[in-house]
Protein backbone atom coordinates (compact mmCIF):
# COMPACT_ATOMS: atom_id res chain seq x y z
CA PHE A 1 178.67 61.84 105.61
CA THR A 2 175.45 61.64 107.63
CA LEU A 3 174.47 61.63 111.26
CA THR A 4 171.34 61.66 113.32
CA GLY A 5 170.85 63.89 116.30
CA MET A 6 168.22 65.47 118.44
CA ILE A 7 167.57 69.19 118.34
CA PRO A 8 166.39 70.32 121.80
CA LYS A 9 164.72 73.52 120.52
CA GLU A 10 162.40 71.67 118.13
CA ARG A 11 159.67 69.75 119.89
CA LYS A 12 156.66 67.64 118.98
CA ASN A 13 154.16 67.15 121.81
CA GLY A 14 156.89 68.08 124.29
CA GLU A 15 159.44 65.59 122.88
CA THR A 16 162.70 66.49 121.20
CA ILE A 17 162.61 65.93 117.44
CA SER A 18 165.37 64.00 115.72
CA VAL A 19 167.01 65.25 112.56
CA LEU A 20 168.96 63.36 109.91
CA ILE A 21 171.78 65.58 108.64
CA ALA A 22 174.19 65.21 105.70
CA LEU A 23 177.49 67.06 106.00
CA ASP A 24 180.16 67.80 103.41
CA ALA A 25 183.12 65.67 104.57
CA ASP A 26 185.67 68.35 103.59
CA THR A 27 184.03 71.54 104.84
CA GLY A 28 181.51 70.38 107.46
CA GLU A 29 178.82 72.37 105.64
CA ILE A 30 175.27 71.06 106.05
CA LEU A 31 174.15 69.74 102.66
CA TRP A 32 170.62 68.86 103.75
CA GLN A 33 168.68 68.01 106.88
CA LYS A 34 165.45 66.12 107.44
CA SER A 35 163.22 66.13 110.52
CA LEU A 36 161.95 62.70 111.55
CA SER A 37 158.57 61.95 113.12
CA GLY A 38 160.00 60.59 116.37
CA ARG A 39 163.18 60.49 118.40
CA THR A 40 165.95 58.17 117.26
CA VAL A 41 168.27 55.94 119.22
CA SER A 42 170.30 54.76 116.26
CA SER A 43 172.49 55.79 113.37
CA PRO A 44 171.50 55.50 109.71
CA VAL A 45 172.85 52.72 107.51
CA ALA A 46 173.77 53.32 103.85
CA ALA A 47 173.24 50.98 100.91
CA TYR A 48 173.22 51.19 97.13
CA GLY A 49 170.08 50.28 95.19
CA ASP A 50 169.82 48.30 91.98
CA ASP A 51 169.78 51.68 90.22
CA GLY A 52 173.27 52.52 91.56
CA LYS A 53 171.96 55.33 93.80
CA GLY A 54 172.92 55.59 97.46
CA TYR A 55 170.15 55.38 100.05
CA LEU A 56 170.07 55.88 103.79
CA TYR A 57 167.89 53.79 106.06
CA GLN A 58 166.93 55.39 109.36
CA ALA A 59 164.44 54.16 111.92
CA ASP A 60 162.81 56.27 114.61
CA GLY A 61 161.58 55.37 118.08
CA GLU A 62 157.96 55.39 116.93
CA GLY A 63 158.64 52.44 114.62
CA THR A 64 158.94 54.12 111.23
CA LEU A 65 161.74 53.00 108.93
CA TYR A 66 162.68 55.63 106.33
CA MET A 67 164.42 55.11 102.97
CA VAL A 68 166.08 58.43 102.12
CA ASP A 69 167.89 59.51 98.96
CA GLY A 70 171.48 60.04 100.08
CA LEU A 71 172.09 63.00 97.74
CA THR A 72 168.91 65.00 98.33
CA GLY A 73 167.50 63.93 101.70
CA GLU A 74 164.11 63.25 100.12
CA THR A 75 162.06 60.39 101.56
CA VAL A 76 161.80 57.67 98.91
CA ASP A 77 159.68 55.32 101.02
CA SER A 78 158.74 54.57 104.62
CA LEU A 79 157.42 51.56 106.50
CA SER A 80 155.77 51.18 109.90
CA LEU A 81 157.39 48.33 111.83
CA GLY A 82 154.59 48.18 114.42
CA GLY A 83 156.69 48.84 117.50
CA SER A 84 159.44 50.95 118.98
CA VAL A 85 162.80 50.68 117.19
CA THR A 86 165.56 50.19 119.75
CA SER A 87 168.66 49.72 117.60
CA ALA A 88 170.31 50.78 114.37
CA PRO A 89 169.34 48.82 111.27
CA ALA A 90 171.91 46.24 110.21
CA LEU A 91 172.48 45.34 106.57
CA TYR A 92 172.77 41.67 105.61
CA ARG A 93 172.92 40.93 101.88
CA GLN A 94 169.63 42.34 100.52
CA TYR A 95 167.96 42.67 103.93
CA LEU A 96 167.78 45.21 106.72
CA VAL A 97 167.46 43.69 110.17
CA VAL A 98 165.94 45.92 112.84
CA ARG A 99 165.27 45.21 116.54
CA VAL A 100 161.78 46.33 117.53
CA THR A 101 159.96 46.27 120.87
CA LYS A 102 156.40 45.00 120.41
CA GLY A 103 154.11 44.32 123.35
CA GLY A 104 157.01 44.25 125.80
CA GLN A 105 159.00 41.74 123.73
CA GLU A 106 162.09 42.31 121.61
CA VAL A 107 161.71 40.98 118.06
CA LEU A 108 163.84 41.18 114.92
CA CYS A 109 162.23 42.48 111.74
CA GLY A 110 163.73 41.61 108.37
CA VAL A 111 162.99 44.04 105.55
CA GLY A 112 163.87 43.03 101.99
CA LEU A 113 165.59 45.59 99.77
CA GLY A 114 165.37 45.79 96.01
CA GLU A 115 163.07 43.78 93.81
């Protein structure tokens, strides 16, 4: 399973860096970990692609949404949402819905998945 947390010892411009971590559910062993560009305030959401592979979607506080291969932790794609992400992505059919703060206003961004 995966989780997102902040590692106090790693810092970027004085801020704590967030890390996406995959753990073996039976042993607790770290399978892979991935540093993100900004701090996170949310958990990742998992979905399967048209190719049958599992992907994780994780947003950071700087407004970047990452698509990560669930087996390897490699970034498959990323997208700037143009504001600060303030919630976990929600999955609705073939869309991710993410709350973003832009110019002092809260807006919902819908991101289409697949083709």
